[in-house]
Structures are given as C-alpha cells and as structure tokens.
Amino acid sequence: MMTVEQLQIEVTRALGVDVVSMFVDRGELIVVVGRTRIADVLSVLRDDPALEMTQLVDICGVDYPERSERFEIVYNLLSMRKNARLRVKLLTDERSPVPTCVGVHSGAGWFEREVWDMYGVGFSGNPDLRRILTDYGFEGHPLRKDFPLSGYVEVRYDNTLKRVIYEPVTLPQDFRSFDFMSPWEGMTEINRRALPGDEKATPIEVKK
C-alpha cells in the first residue's frame, strides 16, 4: 500500500509543472491542475508505472457562486495495484468548456453528461453530451446554487386531458412557519424556571 507521502512524491515527479497546487485533506491527496491540461494529466497518472491510476471512480462538480471561476470539477481516481486514491481538481466557469477525458477513460462520458446536466459545465470533445438525469425539455441546471429549490416547472396528470402536463410552479400557500417552542412545562419540580414555550401550556397542579 502506498502512503499519502509516497503518493505526493510520485505525483509531483510525474506531473511536474502541471501541478497548480497540492494538499492533503482528511488523509487524501488532492491535486489542482489547469483546465486545459486535464486529459494529459489523467493519461500520465494512468500510464506512469509508479502510480497506475487506472480507474476513474467518478467525476463530480461543486459550485461556488462567489468565485469568478465558480465550478470545481473533481476527478476521483483509484489505483487497484497500488491501493491508493487520488483526487484531481480543476476550476472553470459557465463559458469555458473542459476538455473531455473519454479518450483516457472510456467511462468518463457518462460522468461528464451528469456534470453537464446538473451544473451546466460543458465538455469539449464529448461524443454524446446530452442531459441524463433531468426530464426532456428541462431548463436550467438544478445543482447550481442559484437554482430555486422549488424549480420552475411542475408535472402533474390531467384527468381531463388524460395525459401528463407541464405547467409553471405554483405555491398555493406560503411556506408554513413552524413553532419549535416546547408546549410543556419544566420537566422537574426542582427546576421550576420557565422554559421557552411554557406560556402555551396549561399549568398542572403538582400533588404533595
């Protein structure tokens, strides 16, 4: 098994100037690389005999709306032979597509479609970049931090038309406001100080 320290040494050697930054978080090595170099970086990590990161576990995205490059695209790699994991990250925005890595890991096409569907990050060179999780005709990208929780369109079955219809989301009532204050009195006779919510309770006479 390769330790994190050994992995850091080998990754630094193999990638060289492609490493923008590198750090360890929760016992896992994280490498940040340039957006345009991602396919070459993954190829080196896969083919280097000291690393052999041959398995792409998944690709996911993280949205930080306050940043100029608001999206982090995360590649989780696994070396079965070395029993080591590596996380590779890059930064991008809404307008800058990320080069596809389908040519390096054939299973990446599915993951890239998920990121495109959920975050709207494009992948140049992907042979089949279509929505994969949302419905046909869906507008927007639901995992962006600026996408409303209620969505824009709701689906229901219309009994008159005998079919499923799409219509704008309507909220017939305001979001309910819950009162979490306790409806009970103090739980012990020793501590008779009023608890929040005691004003709603009917006093109970304690028998002596």
Protein backbone atom coordinates (compact mmCIF):
# COMPACT_ATOMS: atom_id res chain seq x y z
CA MET A 1 0.00 0.00 0.00
CA MET A 2 1.29 3.45 -0.94
CA THR A 3 1.24 6.08 1.79
CA VAL A 4 0.00 9.61 1.17
CA GLU A 5 3.54 10.93 1.50
CA GLN A 6 4.85 8.48 -1.11
CA LEU A 7 1.94 9.30 -3.41
CA GLN A 8 2.66 13.01 -3.11
CA ILE A 9 6.29 12.48 -4.10
CA GLU A 10 5.37 10.36 -7.14
CA VAL A 11 2.61 12.71 -8.31
CA THR A 12 4.94 15.71 -8.05
CA ARG A 13 7.55 13.87 -10.09
CA ALA A 14 5.11 12.64 -12.73
CA LEU A 15 3.11 15.82 -13.28
CA GLY A 16 5.78 18.46 -12.77
CA VAL A 17 4.63 21.93 -13.86
CA ASP A 18 1.05 20.72 -14.43
CA VAL A 19 0.50 20.86 -10.66
CA VAL A 20 -1.12 24.18 -9.73
CA SER A 21 -1.42 23.25 -6.05
CA MET A 22 -1.36 20.13 -3.91
CA PHE A 23 -2.55 19.43 -0.37
CA VAL A 24 -3.80 16.65 1.90
CA ASP A 25 -7.34 16.77 3.24
CA ARG A 26 -8.78 14.09 5.54
CA GLY A 27 -5.95 11.76 4.69
CA GLU A 28 -6.43 12.04 0.92
CA LEU A 29 -4.12 13.74 -1.55
CA ILE A 30 -5.75 16.46 -3.68
CA VAL A 31 -4.09 17.90 -6.79
CA VAL A 32 -5.32 21.02 -8.60
CA VAL A 33 -4.39 21.23 -12.28
CA GLY A 34 -5.09 23.56 -15.19
CA ARG A 35 -8.37 23.12 -17.05
CA THR A 36 -6.86 22.64 -20.49
CA ARG A 37 -4.38 20.00 -19.27
CA ILE A 38 -6.81 17.60 -17.63
CA ALA A 39 -6.77 14.88 -20.32
CA ASP A 40 -2.96 14.82 -20.42
CA VAL A 41 -2.76 14.76 -16.63
CA LEU A 42 -5.14 11.81 -16.35
CA SER A 43 -3.22 10.00 -19.06
CA VAL A 44 0.09 10.44 -17.20
CA LEU A 45 -1.46 9.30 -13.91
CA ARG A 46 -2.87 6.21 -15.63
CA ASP A 47 0.28 5.19 -17.51
CA ASP A 48 3.01 6.04 -15.00
CA PRO A 49 4.25 2.68 -13.57
CA ALA A 50 4.75 4.20 -10.11
CA LEU A 51 1.12 5.41 -9.94
CA GLU A 52 -1.15 3.32 -12.22
CA MET A 53 -4.30 5.33 -11.52
CA THR A 54 -6.19 3.15 -13.95
CA GLN A 55 -9.70 3.52 -12.57
CA LEU A 56 -11.81 6.67 -12.80
CA VAL A 57 -14.27 6.23 -9.94
CA ASP A 58 -16.38 9.28 -10.78
CA ILE A 59 -16.49 12.91 -11.87
CA CYS A 60 -18.48 15.43 -9.88
CA GLY A 61 -18.92 19.18 -9.58
CA VAL A 62 -19.02 21.79 -6.83
CA ASP A 63 -20.50 25.27 -7.23
CA TYR A 64 -19.05 28.37 -5.52
CA PRO A 65 -21.11 31.27 -6.98
CA GLU A 66 -18.95 33.96 -5.34
CA ARG A 67 -15.85 32.92 -7.33
CA SER A 68 -15.02 34.14 -10.82
CA GLU A 69 -14.39 30.50 -11.76
CA ARG A 70 -17.34 29.21 -9.83
CA PHE A 71 -17.13 25.48 -10.63
CA GLU A 72 -14.74 22.86 -9.31
CA ILE A 73 -14.72 19.70 -11.42
CA VAL A 74 -13.45 16.78 -9.35
CA TYR A 75 -11.97 13.53 -10.71
CA ASN A 76 -11.68 10.69 -8.19
CA LEU A 77 -9.02 8.16 -9.20
CA LEU A 78 -8.11 4.74 -7.84
CA SER A 79 -5.05 2.57 -8.31
CA MET A 80 -6.02 -1.05 -7.67
CA ARG A 81 -2.42 -2.23 -7.89
CA LYS A 82 -1.01 0.43 -5.53
CA ASN A 83 -4.11 0.52 -3.32
CA ALA A 84 -4.12 4.32 -3.44
CA ARG A 85 -6.66 7.04 -4.15
CA LEU A 86 -6.10 10.45 -5.69
CA ARG A 87 -8.43 13.42 -6.19
CA VAL A 88 -7.75 15.74 -9.13
CA LYS A 89 -9.50 19.12 -9.36
CA LEU A 90 -9.77 21.92 -11.89
CA LEU A 91 -11.56 25.28 -11.97
CA THR A 92 -13.86 26.61 -14.69
CA ASP A 93 -16.83 28.90 -15.28
CA GLU A 94 -20.10 28.84 -17.25
CA ARG A 95 -18.47 29.77 -20.55
CA SER A 96 -15.24 27.74 -20.58
CA PRO A 97 -15.67 24.08 -21.56
CA VAL A 98 -13.50 21.37 -20.05
CA PRO A 99 -11.67 19.01 -22.44
CA THR A 100 -13.25 15.57 -22.35
CA CYS A 101 -11.26 12.64 -20.98
CA VAL A 102 -13.26 9.95 -22.79
CA GLY A 103 -10.11 9.09 -24.75
CA VAL A 104 -8.29 8.34 -21.48
CA HIS A 105 -11.13 6.69 -19.52
CA SER A 106 -13.97 5.41 -21.68
CA GLY A 107 -16.41 5.51 -18.75
CA ALA A 108 -15.94 9.27 -18.36
CA GLY A 109 -18.61 10.04 -20.95
CA TRP A 110 -21.42 9.10 -18.57
CA PHE A 111 -19.97 11.13 -15.70
CA GLU A 112 -19.43 14.19 -17.92
CA ARG A 113 -23.06 14.04 -19.02
CA GLU A 114 -24.14 14.09 -15.39
CA VAL A 115 -22.00 17.16 -14.64
CA TRP A 116 -23.32 18.90 -17.75
CA ASP A 117 -26.92 18.12 -16.77
CA MET A 118 -26.62 19.14 -13.11
CA TYR A 119 -24.20 22.10 -13.35
CA GLY A 120 -24.14 23.18 -16.99
CA VAL A 121 -20.39 22.71 -17.39
CA GLY A 122 -19.58 21.80 -20.99
CA PHE A 123 -17.05 19.16 -22.03
CA SER A 124 -15.48 19.79 -25.42
CA GLY A 125 -14.97 16.66 -27.47
CA ASN A 126 -17.54 14.54 -25.63
CA PRO A 127 -19.24 12.46 -28.35
CA ASP A 128 -22.66 12.39 -26.67
CA LEU A 129 -23.14 15.40 -24.38
CA ARG A 130 -26.86 15.21 -23.57
CA ARG A 131 -28.97 15.52 -20.45
CA ILE A 132 -29.05 12.30 -18.50
CA LEU A 133 -30.94 12.83 -15.23
CA THR A 134 -33.49 15.59 -15.82
CA ASP A 135 -36.64 15.39 -17.91
CA TYR A 136 -36.98 16.15 -21.62
CA GLY A 137 -37.10 19.89 -22.22
CA PHE A 138 -35.80 20.70 -18.73
CA GLU A 139 -34.42 24.22 -18.48
CA GLY A 140 -31.67 25.21 -16.06
CA HIS A 141 -29.19 23.21 -14.02
CA PRO A 142 -30.63 22.06 -10.67
CA LEU A 143 -27.42 21.76 -8.63
CA ARG A 144 -26.32 25.33 -9.19
CA LYS A 145 -26.55 27.37 -6.01
CA ASP A 146 -28.71 29.98 -7.79
CA PHE A 147 -31.34 27.45 -8.93
CA PRO A 148 -34.56 27.76 -6.83
CA LEU A 149 -35.44 24.79 -4.63
CA SER A 150 -38.99 24.80 -5.96
CA GLY A 151 -37.81 24.67 -9.57
CA TYR A 152 -39.57 26.41 -12.45
CA VAL A 153 -41.88 23.72 -13.84
CA GLU A 154 -44.03 21.08 -12.17
CA VAL A 155 -45.52 17.93 -13.70
CA ARG A 156 -48.95 16.51 -12.99
CA TYR A 157 -51.51 14.20 -14.58
CA ASP A 158 -54.53 16.00 -16.00
CA ASN A 159 -57.60 13.80 -15.72
CA THR A 160 -59.49 15.86 -18.30
CA LEU A 161 -56.80 15.69 -20.96
CA LYS A 162 -55.82 12.15 -19.89
CA ARG A 163 -52.15 12.92 -20.09
CA VAL A 164 -49.21 14.33 -18.15
CA ILE A 165 -48.88 18.10 -18.47
CA TYR A 166 -46.16 20.60 -17.60
CA GLU A 167 -47.00 23.94 -16.02
CA PRO A 168 -45.21 26.70 -14.08
CA VAL A 169 -44.70 26.00 -10.39
CA THR A 170 -47.46 27.47 -8.24
CA LEU A 171 -47.28 27.64 -4.47
CA PRO A 172 -50.90 27.88 -3.26
CA GLN A 173 -49.81 28.86 0.23
CA ASP A 174 -46.81 30.42 1.85
CA PHE A 175 -44.23 28.11 3.29
CA ARG A 176 -45.54 27.04 6.66
CA SER A 177 -43.79 28.56 9.66
CA PHE A 178 -43.19 26.01 12.38
CA ASP A 179 -43.05 26.90 16.05
CA PHE A 180 -40.47 24.68 17.69
CA MET A 181 -41.03 26.05 21.19
CA SER A 182 -41.81 23.45 23.81
CA PRO A 183 -45.52 23.08 24.70
CA TRP A 184 -44.67 21.54 28.06
CA GLU A 185 -43.81 22.93 31.44
CA GLY A 186 -40.46 22.39 33.09
CA MET A 187 -39.75 18.69 33.35
CA THR A 188 -38.78 18.60 37.03
CA GLU A 189 -40.24 20.13 40.16
CA ILE A 190 -36.74 21.20 41.28
CA ASN A 191 -36.16 23.37 38.25
CA ARG A 192 -39.31 25.49 38.03
CA ARG A 193 -37.80 28.13 35.78
CA ALA A 194 -39.95 28.66 32.72
CA LEU A 195 -38.76 27.01 29.52
CA PRO A 196 -39.38 28.53 26.08
CA GLY A 197 -42.95 27.65 25.12
CA ASP A 198 -44.25 27.25 28.67
CA GLU A 199 -46.56 30.19 28.12
CA LYS A 200 -48.63 27.98 25.80
CA ALA A 201 -49.10 25.22 28.35
CA THR A 202 -51.83 24.86 30.92
CA PRO A 203 -50.28 24.79 34.40
CA ILE A 204 -50.51 21.37 36.09
CA GLU A 205 -51.05 21.24 39.82
CA VAL A 206 -48.44 19.06 41.49
CA LYS A 207 -49.81 16.93 44.34
CA LYS A 208 -47.72 16.88 47.50
